[in-house]
């Protein structure tokens, strides 16, 4: 899997490159700003672009805007946006149209190397990844009468894992339950939230995010 990295911090950029290279990824570009990333994606067509959300010159949302443009122009390239802080509004901008091949993780998540690498692989394969803390921040904004209150503690666990991009098998492995049990929880969750029980992990992520944004 071919990966381009866009990060203005040389130390973090080289650290990410080392992690990915050691895990068998082909790091085809290491960029210091969003414009450099755009040129690299156009020339090299990587499977995934790992992008810092705040980059030169203003350090506001250059990385995010580049990620959105890349998804629109080069749909075969997945994007994984990294952020220092929890920014739910920017997360919603990234997932506005689709969750296929899109991810949003906090930089602290990189310290969990296995989870970070799994997210890159999932995005490269067309899946999705949402940081659990971003999901929790979105959930915490819901009002006291929200349908989320009708979910059981176990259903909320399943919902969080679903929103962060895990498959039914992945959820079953995490919670030490059967896939059949997960399917029942998923069906119950979507029924209580009143949203379609769509198939595919990325479409399920988008359904959950759209619900939380409503």
C-alpha atoms as a PDB file:
ATOM      1  CA  UNK A   1       0.000   0.000   0.000  1.00  0.00           C
ATOM      2  CA  UNK A   2       1.433   3.375  -1.094  1.00  0.00           C
ATOM      3  CA  UNK A   3       1.216   6.298   1.347  1.00  0.00           C
ATOM      4  CA  UNK A   4       1.911  10.041   1.117  1.00  0.00           C
ATOM      5  CA  UNK A   5       2.506  12.012   4.323  1.00  0.00           C
ATOM      6  CA  UNK A   6       1.826  15.733   4.773  1.00  0.00           C
ATOM      7  CA  UNK A   7       3.092  17.101   8.102  1.00  0.00           C
ATOM      8  CA  UNK A   8       5.022  20.323   8.693  1.00  0.00           C
ATOM      9  CA  UNK A   9       6.803  18.973  11.787  1.00  0.00           C
ATOM     10  CA  UNK A  10       9.898  17.185  10.472  1.00  0.00           C
ATOM     11  CA  UNK A  11      10.133  14.975  13.558  1.00  0.00           C
ATOM     12  CA  UNK A  12       6.531  13.772  13.324  1.00  0.00           C
ATOM     13  CA  UNK A  13       6.716  13.417   9.536  1.00  0.00           C
ATOM     14  CA  UNK A  14       9.806  11.221   9.753  1.00  0.00           C
ATOM     15  CA  UNK A  15       8.344   9.303  12.694  1.00  0.00           C
ATOM     16  CA  UNK A  16       5.193   8.502  10.736  1.00  0.00           C
ATOM     17  CA  UNK A  17       7.261   7.500   7.729  1.00  0.00           C
ATOM     18  CA  UNK A  18       9.329   5.164   9.871  1.00  0.00           C
ATOM     19  CA  UNK A  19       6.279   3.511  11.436  1.00  0.00           C
ATOM     20  CA  UNK A  20       4.651   2.972   8.070  1.00  0.00           C
ATOM     21  CA  UNK A  21       7.813   1.766   6.357  1.00  0.00           C
ATOM     22  CA  UNK A  22       8.553  -0.719   9.152  1.00  0.00           C
ATOM     23  CA  UNK A  23       5.011  -2.084   8.800  1.00  0.00           C
ATOM     24  CA  UNK A  24       5.507  -2.767   5.080  1.00  0.00           C
ATOM     25  CA  UNK A  25       3.937   0.376   3.593  1.00  0.00           C
ATOM     26  CA  UNK A  26       5.583   2.154   0.660  1.00  0.00           C
ATOM     27  CA  UNK A  27       5.998   5.817   1.696  1.00  0.00           C
ATOM     28  CA  UNK A  28       6.070   7.553  -1.682  1.00  0.00           C
ATOM     29  CA  UNK A  29       6.007  11.209  -0.537  1.00  0.00           C
ATOM     30  CA  UNK A  30       6.862  13.267   2.544  1.00  0.00           C
ATOM     31  CA  UNK A  31       5.379  16.751   2.250  1.00  0.00           C
ATOM     32  CA  UNK A  32       5.789  19.835   4.403  1.00  0.00           C
ATOM     33  CA  UNK A  33       2.656  21.677   3.289  1.00  0.00           C
ATOM     34  CA  UNK A  34      -0.706  21.159   1.594  1.00  0.00           C
ATOM     35  CA  UNK A  35       0.369  22.383  -1.858  1.00  0.00           C
ATOM     36  CA  UNK A  36       3.255  19.933  -1.879  1.00  0.00           C
ATOM     37  CA  UNK A  37       0.791  17.174  -0.974  1.00  0.00           C
ATOM     38  CA  UNK A  38      -1.569  18.092  -3.822  1.00  0.00           C
ATOM     39  CA  UNK A  39       1.302  17.854  -6.317  1.00  0.00           C
ATOM     40  CA  UNK A  40       2.459  14.525  -4.866  1.00  0.00           C
ATOM     41  CA  UNK A  41      -1.014  12.990  -5.062  1.00  0.00           C
ATOM     42  CA  UNK A  42      -1.457  14.176  -8.642  1.00  0.00           C
ATOM     43  CA  UNK A  43       1.907  12.755  -9.684  1.00  0.00           C
ATOM     44  CA  UNK A  44       2.103   9.563  -7.615  1.00  0.00           C
ATOM     45  CA  UNK A  45      -1.520   8.493  -6.976  1.00  0.00           C
ATOM     46  CA  UNK A  46      -0.941   7.027  -3.486  1.00  0.00           C
ATOM     47  CA  UNK A  47      -3.487   4.706  -1.913  1.00  0.00           C
ATOM     48  CA  UNK A  48      -3.646   6.859   1.237  1.00  0.00           C
ATOM     49  CA  UNK A  49      -2.655  10.416   2.158  1.00  0.00           C
ATOM     50  CA  UNK A  50      -1.956  10.991   5.869  1.00  0.00           C
ATOM     51  CA  UNK A  51      -2.525  14.706   6.447  1.00  0.00           C
ATOM     52  CA  UNK A  52      -2.037  17.090   9.374  1.00  0.00           C
ATOM     53  CA  UNK A  53      -5.192  19.195   9.674  1.00  0.00           C
ATOM     54  CA  UNK A  54      -3.283  22.435  10.435  1.00  0.00           C
ATOM     55  CA  UNK A  55      -0.463  23.303   8.053  1.00  0.00           C
ATOM     56  CA  UNK A  56       1.414  26.355   6.703  1.00  0.00           C
ATOM     57  CA  UNK A  57       0.933  29.141   6.006  1.00  0.00           C
ATOM     58  CA  UNK A  58      -1.916  29.927   8.452  1.00  0.00           C
ATOM     59  CA  UNK A  59      -1.981  26.665  10.448  1.00  0.00           C
ATOM     60  CA  UNK A  60      -5.781  26.637  10.480  1.00  0.00           C
ATOM     61  CA  UNK A  61      -7.422  24.167   8.100  1.00  0.00           C
ATOM     62  CA  UNK A  62      -5.069  23.889   5.099  1.00  0.00           C
ATOM     63  CA  UNK A  63      -4.676  20.148   5.581  1.00  0.00           C
ATOM     64  CA  UNK A  64      -8.393  19.575   5.901  1.00  0.00           C
ATOM     65  CA  UNK A  65      -9.140  21.535   2.731  1.00  0.00           C
ATOM     66  CA  UNK A  66      -6.473  19.607   0.851  1.00  0.00           C
ATOM     67  CA  UNK A  67      -7.943  16.316   2.101  1.00  0.00           C
ATOM     68  CA  UNK A  68     -11.442  17.276   0.934  1.00  0.00           C
ATOM     69  CA  UNK A  69     -10.079  18.330  -2.473  1.00  0.00           C
ATOM     70  CA  UNK A  70      -8.113  15.095  -2.856  1.00  0.00           C
ATOM     71  CA  UNK A  71     -11.190  12.967  -2.119  1.00  0.00           C
ATOM     72  CA  UNK A  72     -13.189  14.941  -4.685  1.00  0.00           C
ATOM     73  CA  UNK A  73     -10.508  14.896  -7.398  1.00  0.00           C
ATOM     74  CA  UNK A  74      -8.810  11.553  -6.746  1.00  0.00           C
ATOM     75  CA  UNK A  75     -11.465   9.241  -5.254  1.00  0.00           C
ATOM     76  CA  UNK A  76      -9.104   6.259  -5.384  1.00  0.00           C
ATOM     77  CA  UNK A  77      -6.861   7.958  -2.800  1.00  0.00           C
ATOM     78  CA  UNK A  78      -8.037   7.621   0.790  1.00  0.00           C
ATOM     79  CA  UNK A  79      -7.316  10.381   3.304  1.00  0.00           C
ATOM     80  CA  UNK A  80      -6.474  10.115   6.985  1.00  0.00           C
ATOM     81  CA  UNK A  81      -6.525  13.476   8.732  1.00  0.00           C
ATOM     82  CA  UNK A  82      -4.608  13.890  11.984  1.00  0.00           C
ATOM     83  CA  UNK A  83      -5.465  16.592  14.537  1.00  0.00           C
ATOM     84  CA  UNK A  84      -3.896  17.751  17.783  1.00  0.00           C
ATOM     85  CA  UNK A  85      -7.288  18.684  19.236  1.00  0.00           C
ATOM     86  CA  UNK A  86     -10.868  17.410  19.221  1.00  0.00           C
ATOM     87  CA  UNK A  87     -12.638  19.430  16.502  1.00  0.00           C
ATOM     88  CA  UNK A  88     -16.067  17.878  15.775  1.00  0.00           C
ATOM     89  CA  UNK A  89     -17.083  20.583  13.278  1.00  0.00           C
ATOM     90  CA  UNK A  90     -14.021  19.917  11.130  1.00  0.00           C
ATOM     91  CA  UNK A  91     -14.666  16.188  11.367  1.00  0.00           C
ATOM     92  CA  UNK A  92     -18.151  16.740   9.987  1.00  0.00           C
ATOM     93  CA  UNK A  93     -16.702  18.786   7.110  1.00  0.00           C
ATOM     94  CA  UNK A  94     -14.441  15.888   6.194  1.00  0.00           C
ATOM     95  CA  UNK A  95     -17.302  13.360   6.264  1.00  0.00           C
ATOM     96  CA  UNK A  96     -19.842  15.667   4.618  1.00  0.00           C
ATOM     97  CA  UNK A  97     -20.376  13.571   1.475  1.00  0.00           C
ATOM     98  CA  UNK A  98     -18.942  10.147   2.146  1.00  0.00           C
ATOM     99  CA  UNK A  99     -17.078   8.050   4.688  1.00  0.00           C
ATOM    100  CA  UNK A 100     -15.530   5.766   2.054  1.00  0.00           C
ATOM    101  CA  UNK A 101     -11.749   5.912   2.400  1.00  0.00           C
ATOM    102  CA  UNK A 102     -11.843   8.700   4.992  1.00  0.00           C
ATOM    103  CA  UNK A 103     -10.427   8.893   8.511  1.00  0.00           C
ATOM    104  CA  UNK A 104     -10.040  11.427  11.318  1.00  0.00           C
ATOM    105  CA  UNK A 105      -7.767  10.586  14.249  1.00  0.00           C
ATOM    106  CA  UNK A 106      -6.159  12.524  17.057  1.00  0.00           C
ATOM    107  CA  UNK A 107      -2.354  12.600  16.873  1.00  0.00           C
ATOM    108  CA  UNK A 108      -2.180  10.898  20.260  1.00  0.00           C
ATOM    109  CA  UNK A 109      -3.765   7.870  18.569  1.00  0.00           C
ATOM    110  CA  UNK A 110      -0.519   7.355  16.632  1.00  0.00           C
ATOM    111  CA  UNK A 111       1.082   6.168  19.888  1.00  0.00           C
ATOM    112  CA  UNK A 112      -1.193   3.121  19.617  1.00  0.00           C
ATOM    113  CA  UNK A 113       0.801   1.875  16.663  1.00  0.00           C
ATOM    114  CA  UNK A 114      -1.347  -1.174  15.924  1.00  0.00           C
ATOM    115  CA  UNK A 115      -4.559   0.895  15.888  1.00  0.00           C
ATOM    116  CA  UNK A 116      -2.979   3.606  13.732  1.00  0.00           C
ATOM    117  CA  UNK A 117      -1.668   1.110  11.178  1.00  0.00           C
ATOM    118  CA  UNK A 118      -5.015  -0.696  11.139  1.00  0.00           C
ATOM    119  CA  UNK A 119      -6.737   2.629  10.412  1.00  0.00           C
ATOM    120  CA  UNK A 120      -4.384   3.341   7.484  1.00  0.00           C
ATOM    121  CA  UNK A 121      -5.018  -0.123   6.042  1.00  0.00           C
ATOM    122  CA  UNK A 122      -8.779   0.226   6.510  1.00  0.00           C
ATOM    123  CA  UNK A 123      -8.846   3.600   4.761  1.00  0.00           C
ATOM    124  CA  UNK A 124      -6.648   2.326   1.927  1.00  0.00           C
ATOM    125  CA  UNK A 125      -9.162  -0.470   1.411  1.00  0.00           C
ATOM    126  CA  UNK A 126     -12.050   2.021   1.190  1.00  0.00           C
ATOM    127  CA  UNK A 127     -13.163   1.849   4.821  1.00  0.00           C
ATOM    128  CA  UNK A 128     -13.374   4.566   7.463  1.00  0.00           C
ATOM    129  CA  UNK A 129     -11.898   5.532  10.832  1.00  0.00           C
ATOM    130  CA  UNK A 130     -13.178   8.014  13.411  1.00  0.00           C
ATOM    131  CA  UNK A 131     -11.291   8.651  16.634  1.00  0.00           C
ATOM    132  CA  UNK A 132     -13.293   7.409  19.651  1.00  0.00           C
ATOM    133  CA  UNK A 133     -12.780  10.755  21.415  1.00  0.00           C
ATOM    134  CA  UNK A 134     -14.213  12.615  18.410  1.00  0.00           C
ATOM    135  CA  UNK A 135     -17.215  10.299  18.515  1.00  0.00           C
ATOM    136  CA  UNK A 136     -17.626  10.867  22.269  1.00  0.00           C
ATOM    137  CA  UNK A 137     -17.495  14.630  21.759  1.00  0.00           C
ATOM    138  CA  UNK A 138     -20.251  14.414  19.155  1.00  0.00           C
ATOM    139  CA  UNK A 139     -22.384  12.229  21.413  1.00  0.00           C
ATOM    140  CA  UNK A 140     -21.929  14.584  24.375  1.00  0.00           C
ATOM    141  CA  UNK A 141     -23.526  17.407  22.372  1.00  0.00           C
ATOM    142  CA  UNK A 142     -26.831  15.567  22.159  1.00  0.00           C
ATOM    143  CA  UNK A 143     -29.705  16.721  24.369  1.00  0.00           C
ATOM    144  CA  UNK A 144     -31.154  14.802  27.341  1.00  0.00           C
ATOM    145  CA  UNK A 145     -34.224  13.698  25.340  1.00  0.00           C
ATOM    146  CA  UNK A 146     -32.117  12.299  22.521  1.00  0.00           C
ATOM    147  CA  UNK A 147     -32.826   8.737  21.318  1.00  0.00           C
ATOM    148  CA  UNK A 148     -29.271   7.797  22.295  1.00  0.00           C
ATOM    149  CA  UNK A 149     -30.616   7.728  25.825  1.00  0.00           C
ATOM    150  CA  UNK A 150     -32.714   4.716  24.848  1.00  0.00           C
ATOM    151  CA  UNK A 151     -29.641   2.646  24.037  1.00  0.00           C
ATOM    152  CA  UNK A 152     -28.409   0.116  26.539  1.00  0.00           C
ATOM    153  CA  UNK A 153     -24.784   0.393  27.747  1.00  0.00           C
ATOM    154  CA  UNK A 154     -23.832  -2.512  25.484  1.00  0.00           C
ATOM    155  CA  UNK A 155     -25.556  -0.898  22.494  1.00  0.00           C
ATOM    156  CA  UNK A 156     -23.610   2.306  23.115  1.00  0.00           C
ATOM    157  CA  UNK A 157     -20.377   0.291  23.110  1.00  0.00           C
ATOM    158  CA  UNK A 158     -21.355  -1.296  19.809  1.00  0.00           C
ATOM    159  CA  UNK A 159     -22.339   2.097  18.371  1.00  0.00           C
ATOM    160  CA  UNK A 160     -18.980   3.625  19.282  1.00  0.00           C
ATOM    161  CA  UNK A 161     -17.061   0.754  17.701  1.00  0.00           C
ATOM    162  CA  UNK A 162     -19.317   0.951  14.649  1.00  0.00           C
ATOM    163  CA  UNK A 163     -18.721   4.697  14.317  1.00  0.00           C
ATOM    164  CA  UNK A 164     -14.974   4.247  14.588  1.00  0.00           C
ATOM    165  CA  UNK A 165     -15.002   1.931  11.579  1.00  0.00           C
ATOM    166  CA  UNK A 166     -15.010  -1.584  13.004  1.00  0.00           C
ATOM    167  CA  UNK A 167     -16.698  -4.421  11.155  1.00  0.00           C
ATOM    168  CA  UNK A 168     -19.147  -6.767  12.876  1.00  0.00           C
ATOM    169  CA  UNK A 169     -16.321  -9.274  13.285  1.00  0.00           C
ATOM    170  CA  UNK A 170     -14.071  -6.562  14.715  1.00  0.00           C
ATOM    171  CA  UNK A 171     -16.760  -5.509  17.192  1.00  0.00           C
ATOM    172  CA  UNK A 172     -17.324  -9.126  18.197  1.00  0.00           C
ATOM    173  CA  UNK A 173     -13.602  -9.604  18.819  1.00  0.00           C
ATOM    174  CA  UNK A 174     -13.371  -6.418  20.898  1.00  0.00           C
ATOM    175  CA  UNK A 175     -16.390  -7.234  23.065  1.00  0.00           C
ATOM    176  CA  UNK A 176     -15.865 -11.024  23.211  1.00  0.00           C
ATOM    177  CA  UNK A 177     -19.303 -11.779  21.817  1.00  0.00           C
ATOM    178  CA  UNK A 178     -20.544 -13.554  18.699  1.00  0.00           C
ATOM    179  CA  UNK A 179     -21.015 -11.914  15.315  1.00  0.00           C
ATOM    180  CA  UNK A 180     -24.666 -12.935  15.510  1.00  0.00           C
ATOM    181  CA  UNK A 181     -25.017 -10.963  18.754  1.00  0.00           C
ATOM    182  CA  UNK A 182     -23.392  -7.928  17.123  1.00  0.00           C
ATOM    183  CA  UNK A 183     -25.846  -8.116  14.219  1.00  0.00           C
ATOM    184  CA  UNK A 184     -28.744  -8.060  16.677  1.00  0.00           C
ATOM    185  CA  UNK A 185     -27.278  -5.060  18.518  1.00  0.00           C
ATOM    186  CA  UNK A 186     -26.697  -3.191  15.237  1.00  0.00           C
ATOM    187  CA  UNK A 187     -30.259  -3.837  14.109  1.00  0.00           C
ATOM    188  CA  UNK A 188     -31.609  -2.633  17.459  1.00  0.00           C
ATOM    189  CA  UNK A 189     -29.412   0.489  17.412  1.00  0.00           C
ATOM    190  CA  UNK A 190     -30.487   1.600  13.954  1.00  0.00           C
ATOM    191  CA  UNK A 191     -34.095   0.865  14.829  1.00  0.00           C
ATOM    192  CA  UNK A 192     -33.938   3.058  17.940  1.00  0.00           C
ATOM    193  CA  UNK A 193     -32.141   5.860  16.082  1.00  0.00           C
ATOM    194  CA  UNK A 194     -34.484   5.671  13.111  1.00  0.00           C
ATOM    195  CA  UNK A 195     -31.792   5.419  10.452  1.00  0.00           C
ATOM    196  CA  UNK A 196     -31.387   2.786   7.690  1.00  0.00           C
ATOM    197  CA  UNK A 197     -29.397  -0.305   8.610  1.00  0.00           C
ATOM    198  CA  UNK A 198     -26.993   0.254   5.721  1.00  0.00           C
ATOM    199  CA  UNK A 199     -24.427  -2.381   4.787  1.00  0.00           C
ATOM    200  CA  UNK A 200     -20.686  -1.825   4.742  1.00  0.00           C
ATOM    201  CA  UNK A 201     -18.570  -0.303   7.504  1.00  0.00           C
ATOM    202  CA  UNK A 202     -17.974   3.074   5.837  1.00  0.00           C
ATOM    203  CA  UNK A 203     -21.662   3.584   5.021  1.00  0.00           C
ATOM    204  CA  UNK A 204     -22.538   2.694   8.610  1.00  0.00           C
ATOM    205  CA  UNK A 205     -20.029   5.268   9.860  1.00  0.00           C
ATOM    206  CA  UNK A 206     -21.569   7.917   7.617  1.00  0.00           C
ATOM    207  CA  UNK A 207     -25.079   7.006   8.796  1.00  0.00           C
ATOM    208  CA  UNK A 208     -24.045   7.425  12.431  1.00  0.00           C
ATOM    209  CA  UNK A 209     -22.248  10.710  11.755  1.00  0.00           C
ATOM    210  CA  UNK A 210     -25.178  12.108   9.812  1.00  0.00           C
ATOM    211  CA  UNK A 211     -27.425  11.226  12.725  1.00  0.00           C
ATOM    212  CA  UNK A 212     -25.133  12.935  15.232  1.00  0.00           C
ATOM    213  CA  UNK A 213     -24.963  16.030  13.011  1.00  0.00           C
ATOM    214  CA  UNK A 214     -28.754  16.311  12.665  1.00  0.00           C
END
